[in-house]
N, C-alpha and C. Protein backbone atom coordinates (compact mmCIF):
# COMPACT_ATOMS: atom_id res chain seq x y z
N UNK A 1 -1.92 19.97 11.23
CA UNK A 1 -0.82 19.02 11.18
C UNK A 1 -0.43 18.75 9.72
N UNK A 2 0.88 18.78 9.42
CA UNK A 2 1.33 18.58 8.06
C UNK A 2 1.79 17.16 7.84
N UNK A 3 1.55 16.63 6.66
CA UNK A 3 1.98 15.27 6.35
C UNK A 3 2.54 15.21 4.93
N UNK A 4 3.51 14.34 4.73
CA UNK A 4 4.03 14.03 3.42
C UNK A 4 3.39 12.70 3.00
N UNK A 5 2.76 12.66 1.86
CA UNK A 5 2.06 11.46 1.41
C UNK A 5 2.58 11.03 0.06
N UNK A 6 3.11 9.80 0.01
CA UNK A 6 3.57 9.23 -1.26
C UNK A 6 2.44 8.43 -1.88
N UNK A 7 2.12 8.72 -3.12
CA UNK A 7 1.01 8.02 -3.82
C UNK A 7 1.56 7.26 -5.02
N UNK A 8 1.04 6.05 -5.21
CA UNK A 8 1.35 5.29 -6.40
C UNK A 8 0.05 4.64 -6.89
N UNK A 9 -0.22 4.76 -8.18
CA UNK A 9 -1.43 4.15 -8.75
C UNK A 9 -1.04 3.06 -9.76
N UNK A 10 -1.93 2.10 -9.89
CA UNK A 10 -1.79 1.08 -10.95
C UNK A 10 -2.99 1.22 -11.87
N UNK A 11 -2.81 0.93 -13.16
CA UNK A 11 -3.85 1.17 -14.14
C UNK A 11 -4.06 -0.03 -15.05
N UNK A 12 -5.24 -0.08 -15.65
CA UNK A 12 -5.53 -1.08 -16.67
C UNK A 12 -5.78 -0.37 -17.99
N UNK A 13 -5.98 -1.16 -19.05
CA UNK A 13 -6.22 -0.63 -20.38
C UNK A 13 -7.72 -0.46 -20.60
N UNK A 14 -8.11 0.69 -21.15
CA UNK A 14 -9.53 0.95 -21.44
C UNK A 14 -9.92 0.25 -22.73
N UNK A 15 -11.09 -0.39 -22.73
CA UNK A 15 -11.55 -1.08 -23.92
C UNK A 15 -11.80 -0.10 -25.06
N UNK A 16 -11.47 -0.57 -26.27
CA UNK A 16 -11.50 0.32 -27.45
C UNK A 16 -12.87 0.96 -27.68
N UNK A 17 -13.93 0.23 -27.38
CA UNK A 17 -15.26 0.76 -27.68
C UNK A 17 -15.61 2.00 -26.84
N UNK A 18 -14.86 2.22 -25.73
CA UNK A 18 -15.15 3.38 -24.88
C UNK A 18 -14.22 4.55 -25.19
N UNK A 19 -13.04 4.27 -25.75
CA UNK A 19 -12.08 5.33 -25.97
C UNK A 19 -12.62 6.35 -26.98
N UNK A 20 -12.35 7.65 -26.63
CA UNK A 20 -12.73 8.78 -27.47
C UNK A 20 -14.25 8.95 -27.61
N UNK A 21 -14.98 8.25 -26.76
CA UNK A 21 -16.44 8.44 -26.77
C UNK A 21 -16.90 8.73 -25.36
N UNK A 22 -17.09 7.70 -24.55
CA UNK A 22 -17.52 7.91 -23.16
C UNK A 22 -16.34 8.33 -22.27
N UNK A 23 -15.15 7.90 -22.65
CA UNK A 23 -13.97 8.13 -21.81
C UNK A 23 -12.77 8.33 -22.74
N UNK A 24 -12.20 9.50 -22.82
CA UNK A 24 -11.21 9.80 -23.87
C UNK A 24 -9.76 9.45 -23.54
N UNK A 25 -9.55 8.49 -22.65
CA UNK A 25 -8.18 8.15 -22.28
C UNK A 25 -7.95 6.65 -22.40
N UNK A 26 -6.66 6.27 -22.45
CA UNK A 26 -6.32 4.87 -22.70
C UNK A 26 -6.22 4.03 -21.43
N UNK A 27 -6.08 4.67 -20.27
CA UNK A 27 -5.88 3.93 -19.03
C UNK A 27 -6.90 4.34 -17.98
N UNK A 28 -7.07 3.44 -17.00
CA UNK A 28 -8.00 3.70 -15.90
C UNK A 28 -7.43 3.10 -14.63
N UNK A 29 -7.60 3.81 -13.53
CA UNK A 29 -7.02 3.41 -12.25
C UNK A 29 -7.68 2.16 -11.69
N UNK A 30 -6.85 1.21 -11.22
CA UNK A 30 -7.39 0.01 -10.56
C UNK A 30 -6.82 -0.18 -9.14
N UNK A 31 -5.87 0.65 -8.75
CA UNK A 31 -5.35 0.58 -7.40
C UNK A 31 -4.73 1.91 -6.99
N UNK A 32 -4.96 2.31 -5.75
CA UNK A 32 -4.29 3.46 -5.16
C UNK A 32 -3.55 2.99 -3.92
N UNK A 33 -2.25 3.22 -3.88
CA UNK A 33 -1.47 2.94 -2.68
C UNK A 33 -0.87 4.23 -2.16
N UNK A 34 -0.87 4.43 -0.87
CA UNK A 34 -0.33 5.68 -0.30
C UNK A 34 0.34 5.41 1.04
N UNK A 35 1.39 6.14 1.29
CA UNK A 35 2.13 6.04 2.55
C UNK A 35 2.27 7.43 3.14
N UNK A 36 1.96 7.59 4.42
CA UNK A 36 2.05 8.88 5.06
C UNK A 36 3.35 8.95 5.87
N UNK A 37 4.05 10.08 5.74
CA UNK A 37 5.26 10.31 6.52
C UNK A 37 5.13 11.60 7.30
N UNK A 38 5.78 11.66 8.45
CA UNK A 38 5.78 12.90 9.21
C UNK A 38 6.85 13.82 8.65
N UNK A 39 7.09 14.96 9.28
CA UNK A 39 8.02 15.94 8.75
C UNK A 39 9.46 15.44 8.79
N UNK A 40 9.71 14.40 9.59
CA UNK A 40 11.04 13.81 9.66
C UNK A 40 11.16 12.60 8.74
N UNK A 41 10.15 12.40 7.91
CA UNK A 41 10.11 11.32 6.90
C UNK A 41 9.99 9.92 7.51
N UNK A 42 9.47 9.87 8.71
CA UNK A 42 9.15 8.56 9.30
C UNK A 42 7.76 8.14 8.88
N UNK A 43 7.56 6.87 8.53
CA UNK A 43 6.26 6.38 8.06
C UNK A 43 5.30 6.29 9.25
N UNK A 44 4.14 6.93 9.10
CA UNK A 44 3.17 6.96 10.20
C UNK A 44 1.83 6.30 9.83
N UNK A 45 1.65 5.95 8.57
CA UNK A 45 0.37 5.33 8.18
C UNK A 45 0.38 4.90 6.72
N UNK A 46 -0.57 4.03 6.37
CA UNK A 46 -0.68 3.52 5.03
C UNK A 46 -2.13 3.46 4.59
N UNK A 47 -2.33 3.61 3.28
CA UNK A 47 -3.65 3.48 2.69
C UNK A 47 -3.53 2.68 1.41
N UNK A 48 -4.45 1.74 1.20
CA UNK A 48 -4.46 0.96 -0.04
C UNK A 48 -5.88 0.59 -0.39
N UNK A 49 -6.20 0.73 -1.65
CA UNK A 49 -7.54 0.38 -2.10
C UNK A 49 -7.49 -0.05 -3.56
N UNK A 50 -8.09 -1.17 -3.87
CA UNK A 50 -8.36 -1.49 -5.26
C UNK A 50 -9.49 -0.57 -5.74
N UNK A 51 -9.55 -0.35 -7.04
CA UNK A 51 -10.57 0.54 -7.62
C UNK A 51 -11.26 -0.20 -8.76
N UNK A 52 -12.58 -0.19 -8.73
CA UNK A 52 -13.36 -0.83 -9.78
C UNK A 52 -13.41 0.08 -11.02
N UNK A 53 -12.82 -0.31 -12.12
CA UNK A 53 -12.83 0.52 -13.31
C UNK A 53 -14.21 0.55 -13.97
N UNK A 54 -14.53 1.63 -14.62
CA UNK A 54 -15.81 1.76 -15.31
C UNK A 54 -15.71 1.35 -16.78
N UNK A 55 -14.55 1.57 -17.38
CA UNK A 55 -14.40 1.34 -18.81
C UNK A 55 -13.29 0.35 -19.17
N UNK A 56 -12.41 0.08 -18.25
CA UNK A 56 -11.27 -0.77 -18.54
C UNK A 56 -11.45 -2.21 -18.12
N UNK A 57 -10.50 -3.03 -18.49
CA UNK A 57 -10.50 -4.41 -18.07
C UNK A 57 -9.07 -4.83 -17.80
N UNK A 58 -8.92 -5.88 -17.00
CA UNK A 58 -7.60 -6.39 -16.66
C UNK A 58 -7.27 -7.53 -17.62
N UNK A 59 -6.31 -7.31 -18.49
CA UNK A 59 -5.91 -8.39 -19.42
C UNK A 59 -4.75 -9.18 -18.79
N UNK A 60 -4.24 -10.15 -19.52
CA UNK A 60 -3.19 -11.01 -18.99
C UNK A 60 -1.93 -10.23 -18.68
N UNK A 61 -1.62 -9.22 -19.52
CA UNK A 61 -0.41 -8.43 -19.29
C UNK A 61 -0.51 -7.65 -17.98
N UNK A 62 -1.62 -6.95 -17.76
CA UNK A 62 -1.79 -6.14 -16.55
C UNK A 62 -1.82 -7.03 -15.33
N UNK A 63 -2.50 -8.17 -15.41
CA UNK A 63 -2.53 -9.08 -14.26
C UNK A 63 -1.13 -9.59 -13.93
N UNK A 64 -0.37 -9.93 -14.97
CA UNK A 64 0.98 -10.42 -14.73
C UNK A 64 1.88 -9.32 -14.16
N UNK A 65 1.67 -8.09 -14.61
CA UNK A 65 2.50 -6.97 -14.17
C UNK A 65 2.19 -6.55 -12.74
N UNK A 66 0.90 -6.46 -12.41
CA UNK A 66 0.48 -5.92 -11.11
C UNK A 66 0.07 -6.97 -10.09
N UNK A 67 -0.28 -8.17 -10.59
CA UNK A 67 -0.81 -9.18 -9.68
C UNK A 67 -2.26 -8.97 -9.35
N UNK A 68 -2.91 -7.97 -9.95
CA UNK A 68 -4.30 -7.67 -9.70
C UNK A 68 -5.18 -8.42 -10.69
N UNK A 69 -6.20 -9.09 -10.18
CA UNK A 69 -7.10 -9.86 -11.03
C UNK A 69 -8.49 -9.27 -11.05
N UNK A 70 -9.33 -9.78 -11.94
CA UNK A 70 -10.73 -9.33 -11.99
C UNK A 70 -11.44 -9.56 -10.67
N UNK A 71 -11.08 -10.64 -10.00
CA UNK A 71 -11.70 -10.95 -8.71
C UNK A 71 -11.41 -9.85 -7.68
N UNK A 72 -10.19 -9.28 -7.73
CA UNK A 72 -9.81 -8.24 -6.77
C UNK A 72 -10.65 -6.97 -6.93
N UNK A 73 -11.04 -6.67 -8.15
CA UNK A 73 -11.75 -5.40 -8.39
C UNK A 73 -13.24 -5.56 -8.53
N UNK A 74 -13.73 -6.80 -8.50
CA UNK A 74 -15.16 -7.05 -8.76
C UNK A 74 -16.05 -6.26 -7.81
N UNK A 75 -15.73 -6.24 -6.54
CA UNK A 75 -16.55 -5.52 -5.56
C UNK A 75 -15.77 -4.37 -4.92
N UNK A 76 -14.74 -3.92 -5.61
CA UNK A 76 -13.95 -2.79 -5.11
C UNK A 76 -14.72 -1.49 -5.22
N UNK A 77 -14.37 -0.47 -4.45
CA UNK A 77 -15.05 0.82 -4.57
C UNK A 77 -14.77 1.50 -5.91
N UNK A 78 -15.65 2.38 -6.31
CA UNK A 78 -15.41 3.21 -7.49
C UNK A 78 -14.28 4.17 -7.17
N UNK A 79 -13.77 4.86 -8.20
CA UNK A 79 -12.71 5.85 -7.95
C UNK A 79 -13.21 6.92 -6.98
N UNK A 80 -14.43 7.40 -7.17
CA UNK A 80 -14.99 8.42 -6.27
C UNK A 80 -14.97 7.93 -4.83
N UNK A 81 -15.40 6.70 -4.59
CA UNK A 81 -15.42 6.18 -3.24
C UNK A 81 -14.03 5.98 -2.68
N UNK A 82 -13.10 5.51 -3.52
CA UNK A 82 -11.74 5.29 -3.06
C UNK A 82 -11.06 6.60 -2.70
N UNK A 83 -11.28 7.65 -3.51
CA UNK A 83 -10.70 8.95 -3.21
C UNK A 83 -11.33 9.56 -1.96
N UNK A 84 -12.60 9.33 -1.76
CA UNK A 84 -13.25 9.83 -0.53
C UNK A 84 -12.68 9.10 0.69
N UNK A 85 -12.45 7.80 0.54
CA UNK A 85 -11.84 7.04 1.64
C UNK A 85 -10.43 7.56 1.94
N UNK A 86 -9.68 7.88 0.89
CA UNK A 86 -8.33 8.41 1.12
C UNK A 86 -8.40 9.78 1.76
N UNK A 87 -9.35 10.61 1.34
CA UNK A 87 -9.52 11.94 1.91
C UNK A 87 -9.86 11.83 3.40
N UNK A 88 -10.69 10.85 3.76
CA UNK A 88 -11.01 10.62 5.18
C UNK A 88 -9.76 10.21 5.93
N UNK A 89 -8.94 9.36 5.31
CA UNK A 89 -7.70 8.90 5.92
C UNK A 89 -6.73 10.08 6.18
N UNK A 90 -6.75 11.06 5.26
CA UNK A 90 -5.89 12.24 5.41
C UNK A 90 -6.33 13.12 6.57
N UNK A 91 -7.59 13.02 6.96
CA UNK A 91 -8.14 13.69 8.15
C UNK A 91 -7.90 15.20 8.17
N UNK A 92 -8.04 15.84 7.02
CA UNK A 92 -7.93 17.29 6.98
C UNK A 92 -6.54 17.84 7.15
N UNK A 93 -5.51 17.00 7.07
CA UNK A 93 -4.14 17.47 7.23
C UNK A 93 -3.72 18.35 6.04
N UNK A 94 -2.76 19.20 6.30
CA UNK A 94 -2.08 19.90 5.22
C UNK A 94 -1.12 18.90 4.60
N UNK A 95 -1.24 18.68 3.28
CA UNK A 95 -0.53 17.57 2.66
C UNK A 95 0.38 18.01 1.52
N UNK A 96 1.56 17.40 1.46
CA UNK A 96 2.41 17.45 0.28
C UNK A 96 2.43 16.05 -0.30
N UNK A 97 1.95 15.91 -1.54
CA UNK A 97 1.94 14.61 -2.21
C UNK A 97 3.23 14.40 -2.99
N UNK A 98 3.80 13.22 -2.85
CA UNK A 98 4.96 12.84 -3.64
C UNK A 98 4.55 11.69 -4.56
N UNK A 99 5.03 11.72 -5.80
CA UNK A 99 4.78 10.63 -6.72
C UNK A 99 6.01 10.38 -7.57
N UNK A 100 6.07 9.21 -8.18
CA UNK A 100 7.20 8.92 -9.07
C UNK A 100 6.75 9.27 -10.49
N UNK A 101 7.04 10.47 -10.90
CA UNK A 101 6.66 11.11 -12.15
C UNK A 101 5.30 11.82 -11.97
N UNK A 102 4.93 12.60 -12.99
CA UNK A 102 3.67 13.35 -12.91
C UNK A 102 2.48 12.50 -13.35
N UNK A 103 2.73 11.29 -13.77
CA UNK A 103 1.68 10.42 -14.31
C UNK A 103 0.56 10.23 -13.32
N UNK A 104 0.88 10.03 -12.05
CA UNK A 104 -0.15 9.75 -11.04
C UNK A 104 -1.10 10.94 -10.91
N UNK A 105 -0.52 12.14 -10.78
CA UNK A 105 -1.39 13.35 -10.67
C UNK A 105 -2.25 13.51 -11.91
N UNK A 106 -1.63 13.42 -13.08
CA UNK A 106 -2.35 13.64 -14.32
C UNK A 106 -3.50 12.66 -14.48
N UNK A 107 -3.24 11.37 -14.18
CA UNK A 107 -4.29 10.37 -14.34
C UNK A 107 -5.44 10.58 -13.36
N UNK A 108 -5.10 10.88 -12.11
CA UNK A 108 -6.14 11.13 -11.12
C UNK A 108 -6.99 12.34 -11.53
N UNK A 109 -6.33 13.42 -11.94
CA UNK A 109 -7.05 14.63 -12.34
C UNK A 109 -7.94 14.38 -13.55
N UNK A 110 -7.43 13.61 -14.52
CA UNK A 110 -8.23 13.30 -15.70
C UNK A 110 -9.49 12.53 -15.36
N UNK A 111 -9.32 11.52 -14.49
CA UNK A 111 -10.48 10.69 -14.17
C UNK A 111 -11.52 11.42 -13.31
N UNK A 112 -11.03 12.29 -12.44
CA UNK A 112 -11.96 13.09 -11.64
C UNK A 112 -12.86 13.90 -12.56
N UNK A 113 -12.24 14.53 -13.57
CA UNK A 113 -12.99 15.34 -14.50
C UNK A 113 -13.88 14.50 -15.41
N UNK A 114 -13.32 13.42 -15.98
CA UNK A 114 -14.05 12.61 -16.94
C UNK A 114 -15.25 11.90 -16.31
N UNK A 115 -15.14 11.58 -15.01
CA UNK A 115 -16.19 10.83 -14.33
C UNK A 115 -17.13 11.71 -13.53
N UNK A 116 -16.99 13.03 -13.67
CA UNK A 116 -17.91 13.96 -13.02
C UNK A 116 -17.83 13.94 -11.52
N UNK A 117 -16.66 13.63 -10.96
CA UNK A 117 -16.49 13.66 -9.50
C UNK A 117 -16.36 15.10 -9.05
N UNK A 118 -16.98 15.43 -7.93
CA UNK A 118 -17.01 16.80 -7.41
C UNK A 118 -15.58 17.33 -7.21
N UNK A 119 -15.17 18.27 -8.07
CA UNK A 119 -13.80 18.77 -8.01
C UNK A 119 -13.56 19.61 -6.75
N UNK A 120 -14.60 20.25 -6.26
CA UNK A 120 -14.42 21.08 -5.05
C UNK A 120 -14.05 20.20 -3.86
N UNK A 121 -14.66 19.01 -3.76
CA UNK A 121 -14.35 18.10 -2.68
C UNK A 121 -12.95 17.48 -2.83
N UNK A 122 -12.45 17.48 -4.06
CA UNK A 122 -11.13 16.91 -4.36
C UNK A 122 -10.07 18.00 -4.50
N UNK A 123 -10.33 19.20 -3.97
CA UNK A 123 -9.47 20.36 -4.20
C UNK A 123 -8.04 20.12 -3.74
N UNK A 124 -7.86 19.46 -2.61
CA UNK A 124 -6.51 19.22 -2.09
C UNK A 124 -5.71 18.34 -3.05
N UNK A 125 -6.35 17.30 -3.55
CA UNK A 125 -5.69 16.37 -4.46
C UNK A 125 -5.42 17.04 -5.82
N UNK A 126 -6.35 17.89 -6.28
CA UNK A 126 -6.24 18.51 -7.59
C UNK A 126 -5.29 19.69 -7.64
N UNK A 127 -4.91 20.24 -6.50
CA UNK A 127 -4.01 21.38 -6.47
C UNK A 127 -2.58 20.95 -6.86
N UNK A 128 -2.12 21.37 -8.03
CA UNK A 128 -0.80 20.99 -8.51
C UNK A 128 0.31 21.44 -7.56
N UNK A 129 0.05 22.53 -6.84
CA UNK A 129 1.04 23.05 -5.90
C UNK A 129 1.30 22.11 -4.74
N UNK A 130 0.42 21.14 -4.55
CA UNK A 130 0.61 20.18 -3.45
C UNK A 130 1.43 18.96 -3.84
N UNK A 131 1.84 18.91 -5.13
CA UNK A 131 2.49 17.68 -5.64
C UNK A 131 3.96 17.91 -5.95
N UNK A 132 4.77 16.88 -5.63
CA UNK A 132 6.21 16.87 -5.92
C UNK A 132 6.52 15.66 -6.77
N UNK A 133 7.16 15.89 -7.91
CA UNK A 133 7.60 14.80 -8.79
C UNK A 133 8.98 14.35 -8.35
N UNK A 134 9.05 13.24 -7.59
CA UNK A 134 10.35 12.85 -7.04
C UNK A 134 11.22 12.13 -8.07
N UNK A 135 10.62 11.67 -9.15
CA UNK A 135 11.44 11.09 -10.23
C UNK A 135 12.38 12.16 -10.79
N UNK A 136 11.88 13.37 -10.94
CA UNK A 136 12.68 14.48 -11.47
C UNK A 136 13.80 14.83 -10.49
N UNK A 137 13.48 14.86 -9.21
CA UNK A 137 14.49 15.18 -8.19
C UNK A 137 15.59 14.13 -8.16
N UNK A 138 15.21 12.86 -8.15
CA UNK A 138 16.19 11.78 -8.14
C UNK A 138 17.03 11.77 -9.41
N UNK A 139 16.38 12.05 -10.54
CA UNK A 139 17.10 12.08 -11.80
C UNK A 139 18.21 13.13 -11.80
N UNK A 140 17.91 14.30 -11.25
CA UNK A 140 18.93 15.35 -11.16
C UNK A 140 20.03 14.94 -10.17
N UNK A 141 19.63 14.35 -9.06
CA UNK A 141 20.62 13.96 -8.04
C UNK A 141 21.61 12.93 -8.58
N UNK A 142 21.12 12.00 -9.40
CA UNK A 142 21.97 10.94 -9.90
C UNK A 142 22.49 11.21 -11.31
N UNK A 143 22.25 12.42 -11.81
CA UNK A 143 22.76 12.80 -13.12
C UNK A 143 22.12 12.02 -14.25
N UNK A 144 20.84 11.70 -14.08
CA UNK A 144 20.10 10.96 -15.10
C UNK A 144 18.94 11.82 -15.59
N UNK A 145 19.13 12.57 -16.68
CA UNK A 145 18.09 13.50 -17.13
C UNK A 145 16.86 12.81 -17.71
N UNK A 146 17.00 11.51 -18.09
CA UNK A 146 15.84 10.82 -18.64
C UNK A 146 14.94 10.32 -17.51
N UNK A 147 13.83 9.70 -17.89
CA UNK A 147 12.87 9.23 -16.91
C UNK A 147 13.37 7.93 -16.27
N UNK A 148 14.17 8.04 -15.25
CA UNK A 148 14.73 6.84 -14.62
C UNK A 148 13.67 6.08 -13.86
N UNK A 149 13.82 4.77 -13.79
CA UNK A 149 12.84 3.95 -13.10
C UNK A 149 13.05 4.00 -11.59
N UNK A 150 12.00 3.70 -10.85
CA UNK A 150 12.11 3.62 -9.40
C UNK A 150 13.13 2.54 -9.01
N UNK A 151 13.14 1.45 -9.75
CA UNK A 151 14.08 0.36 -9.47
C UNK A 151 15.52 0.83 -9.57
N UNK A 152 15.84 1.61 -10.61
CA UNK A 152 17.20 2.14 -10.75
C UNK A 152 17.53 3.13 -9.64
N UNK A 153 16.59 3.99 -9.29
CA UNK A 153 16.83 4.98 -8.24
C UNK A 153 17.10 4.29 -6.91
N UNK A 154 16.34 3.24 -6.61
CA UNK A 154 16.58 2.49 -5.36
C UNK A 154 17.97 1.87 -5.37
N UNK A 155 18.38 1.37 -6.52
CA UNK A 155 19.72 0.77 -6.61
C UNK A 155 20.79 1.82 -6.39
N UNK A 156 20.66 2.99 -7.05
CA UNK A 156 21.69 4.03 -6.91
C UNK A 156 21.75 4.56 -5.47
N UNK A 157 20.59 4.64 -4.79
CA UNK A 157 20.54 5.13 -3.42
C UNK A 157 20.83 4.03 -2.40
N UNK A 158 21.03 2.82 -2.90
CA UNK A 158 21.31 1.66 -2.05
C UNK A 158 20.21 1.42 -1.01
N UNK A 159 18.99 1.42 -1.54
CA UNK A 159 17.80 1.08 -0.77
C UNK A 159 17.29 -0.27 -1.30
N UNK A 160 17.27 -1.28 -0.46
CA UNK A 160 16.81 -2.60 -0.88
C UNK A 160 15.30 -2.58 -1.05
N UNK A 161 14.79 -2.86 -2.27
CA UNK A 161 13.33 -2.83 -2.47
C UNK A 161 12.63 -3.92 -1.69
N UNK A 162 11.44 -3.59 -1.25
CA UNK A 162 10.62 -4.55 -0.51
C UNK A 162 9.30 -4.74 -1.22
N UNK A 163 8.75 -5.96 -1.16
CA UNK A 163 7.44 -6.23 -1.76
C UNK A 163 7.52 -6.41 -3.26
N UNK A 164 6.34 -6.51 -3.87
CA UNK A 164 6.23 -6.77 -5.31
C UNK A 164 6.24 -5.48 -6.10
N UNK A 165 7.08 -5.43 -7.11
CA UNK A 165 7.11 -4.27 -8.01
C UNK A 165 5.76 -4.16 -8.74
N UNK A 166 5.29 -2.93 -8.92
CA UNK A 166 4.00 -2.63 -9.57
C UNK A 166 2.81 -3.00 -8.69
N UNK A 167 3.02 -3.12 -7.40
CA UNK A 167 1.93 -3.11 -6.42
C UNK A 167 1.89 -1.69 -5.89
N UNK A 168 0.72 -1.07 -5.92
CA UNK A 168 0.62 0.32 -5.54
C UNK A 168 1.19 0.65 -4.17
N UNK A 169 0.83 -0.16 -3.17
CA UNK A 169 1.30 0.12 -1.82
C UNK A 169 2.79 -0.18 -1.67
N UNK A 170 3.27 -1.27 -2.27
CA UNK A 170 4.69 -1.60 -2.19
C UNK A 170 5.56 -0.52 -2.86
N UNK A 171 5.11 -0.04 -4.03
CA UNK A 171 5.85 1.00 -4.71
C UNK A 171 5.82 2.31 -3.92
N UNK A 172 4.70 2.60 -3.29
CA UNK A 172 4.63 3.81 -2.45
C UNK A 172 5.56 3.69 -1.27
N UNK A 173 5.60 2.52 -0.64
CA UNK A 173 6.52 2.30 0.49
C UNK A 173 7.97 2.51 0.06
N UNK A 174 8.33 1.88 -1.07
CA UNK A 174 9.72 1.96 -1.52
C UNK A 174 10.09 3.39 -1.91
N UNK A 175 9.15 4.11 -2.51
CA UNK A 175 9.41 5.50 -2.85
C UNK A 175 9.59 6.32 -1.58
N UNK A 176 8.78 6.04 -0.55
CA UNK A 176 8.89 6.73 0.73
C UNK A 176 10.24 6.46 1.39
N UNK A 177 10.72 5.23 1.29
CA UNK A 177 12.02 4.88 1.88
C UNK A 177 13.15 5.58 1.12
N UNK A 178 13.01 5.68 -0.19
CA UNK A 178 13.99 6.39 -1.00
C UNK A 178 14.01 7.87 -0.64
N UNK A 179 12.84 8.49 -0.55
CA UNK A 179 12.75 9.89 -0.19
C UNK A 179 13.37 10.15 1.18
N UNK A 180 13.05 9.30 2.15
CA UNK A 180 13.58 9.47 3.50
C UNK A 180 15.09 9.44 3.50
N UNK A 181 15.68 8.48 2.79
CA UNK A 181 17.15 8.37 2.78
C UNK A 181 17.78 9.57 2.11
N UNK A 182 17.21 10.00 0.98
CA UNK A 182 17.82 11.10 0.25
C UNK A 182 17.63 12.45 0.94
N UNK A 183 16.47 12.65 1.55
CA UNK A 183 16.20 13.93 2.20
C UNK A 183 16.92 14.06 3.53
N UNK A 184 17.10 12.96 4.22
CA UNK A 184 17.77 12.99 5.52
C UNK A 184 19.28 12.95 5.38
N UNK A 185 19.78 12.54 4.20
CA UNK A 185 21.22 12.45 3.96
C UNK A 185 21.58 13.12 2.64
N UNK A 186 21.32 14.42 2.52
CA UNK A 186 21.50 15.08 1.22
C UNK A 186 22.95 15.10 0.72
N UNK A 187 23.92 14.96 1.62
CA UNK A 187 25.32 15.00 1.19
C UNK A 187 25.95 13.61 1.10
N UNK A 188 25.13 12.59 1.27
CA UNK A 188 25.68 11.22 1.23
C UNK A 188 26.23 10.87 -0.14
N UNK A 189 27.27 10.06 -0.13
CA UNK A 189 27.84 9.54 -1.36
C UNK A 189 27.19 8.18 -1.63
N UNK A 190 26.30 8.14 -2.58
CA UNK A 190 25.61 6.91 -2.91
C UNK A 190 26.37 6.13 -3.98
N UNK A 191 25.84 4.99 -4.32
CA UNK A 191 26.47 4.11 -5.31
C UNK A 191 26.78 4.86 -6.60
N UNK A 192 25.84 5.69 -7.06
CA UNK A 192 26.04 6.41 -8.32
C UNK A 192 27.29 7.29 -8.26
N UNK A 193 27.51 7.92 -7.10
CA UNK A 193 28.68 8.77 -6.95
C UNK A 193 29.97 7.95 -7.05
N UNK A 194 29.99 6.81 -6.41
CA UNK A 194 31.19 5.96 -6.44
C UNK A 194 31.43 5.40 -7.83
N UNK A 195 30.34 5.03 -8.53
CA UNK A 195 30.49 4.54 -9.90
C UNK A 195 31.05 5.62 -10.82
N UNK A 196 30.58 6.86 -10.63
CA UNK A 196 31.05 7.97 -11.44
C UNK A 196 32.53 8.24 -11.18
N UNK A 197 32.94 8.15 -9.92
CA UNK A 197 34.34 8.34 -9.58
C UNK A 197 35.22 7.31 -10.26
N UNK A 198 34.76 6.05 -10.26
CA UNK A 198 35.52 4.99 -10.91
C UNK A 198 35.62 5.22 -12.41
N UNK A 199 34.52 5.67 -13.01
CA UNK A 199 34.54 5.96 -14.44
C UNK A 199 35.51 7.09 -14.78
N UNK A 200 35.53 8.11 -13.90
CA UNK A 200 36.43 9.23 -14.12
C UNK A 200 37.88 8.79 -14.00
N UNK A 201 38.17 7.92 -13.03
CA UNK A 201 39.53 7.41 -12.87
C UNK A 201 39.95 6.61 -14.10
N UNK A 202 39.00 5.77 -14.59
CA UNK A 202 39.32 4.96 -15.76
C UNK A 202 39.57 5.84 -16.97
N UNK A 203 38.76 6.90 -17.11
CA UNK A 203 38.91 7.82 -18.24
C UNK A 203 40.26 8.53 -18.19
N UNK A 204 40.66 8.98 -16.99
CA UNK A 204 41.94 9.66 -16.81
C UNK A 204 43.08 8.69 -17.12
N UNK A 205 42.96 7.45 -16.60
CA UNK A 205 43.98 6.44 -16.84
C UNK A 205 44.14 6.12 -18.32
N UNK A 206 42.99 6.02 -19.02
CA UNK A 206 43.03 5.74 -20.44
C UNK A 206 43.66 6.88 -21.21
N UNK A 207 43.30 8.11 -20.86
CA UNK A 207 43.85 9.26 -21.56
C UNK A 207 45.35 9.37 -21.33
N UNK A 208 45.79 9.12 -20.07
CA UNK A 208 47.19 9.18 -19.76
C UNK A 208 47.96 8.10 -20.49
N UNK A 209 47.36 6.89 -20.53
CA UNK A 209 47.99 5.77 -21.23
C UNK A 209 48.13 6.06 -22.71
N UNK A 210 47.12 6.65 -23.31
CA UNK A 210 47.17 7.00 -24.72
C UNK A 210 48.27 8.03 -25.00
N UNK A 211 48.43 8.98 -24.06
CA UNK A 211 49.45 10.00 -24.22
C UNK A 211 50.84 9.43 -24.14
N UNK A 212 51.07 8.56 -23.15
CA UNK A 212 52.40 7.98 -22.93
C UNK A 212 52.78 6.98 -24.03
N UNK A 213 51.73 6.37 -24.64
CA UNK A 213 52.02 5.37 -25.68
C UNK A 213 52.71 5.96 -26.90
N UNK A 214 52.57 7.27 -27.06
CA UNK A 214 53.19 7.91 -28.22
C UNK A 214 54.57 8.46 -27.94
N UNK A 215 55.06 8.24 -26.71
CA UNK A 215 56.37 8.78 -26.34
C UNK A 215 57.40 7.66 -26.40
N UNK A 216 58.49 7.89 -27.09
CA UNK A 216 59.58 6.91 -27.17
C UNK A 216 60.69 7.32 -26.19
N UNK A 217 61.06 6.39 -25.33
CA UNK A 217 62.10 6.69 -24.34
C UNK A 217 63.43 6.14 -24.82
């Protein structure tokens, strides 16, 4: 059975004394949120887990951004345990992972390697061929070559966001809803298209006005 799974992670800052020594990266995962969709992009299941960091800590900025506190992660599973729980949730399905940018895949892969987690057991997650960067797809669709935010993409696609921004599960849900709308309605005229049309009309009107202003009748 095949499934489409949207993943979103939240991270904290790694303490300076660990960087470039025990752990060579600046961030560490503190939450994994995932939403499962069937082949018709209907949501069929959800997974969410806080993750206990080994080297990082939650400062005031991260707590304010994500709503995650030290209390939430105090007895949370390690990354290895959380990934094993997610793998159990996937139940051996053939999976295509969707994420908003490549950051999620890169961070997960880095931590698996840095923390000595069995890569063979994580083969499905580590296979780059199983991952789709939907930020890139949405950026092309809306004519935004830069790294557009999920918030902007939801606005352009006219999908009302639900839940708290920067909560792993809420962001995964909203990304799944965006994917469903765009994939099921590939020819739809979204807000971005209408805004572009208005800009084009204004540009033509301005150019025509400039041309006529130089003509004396």
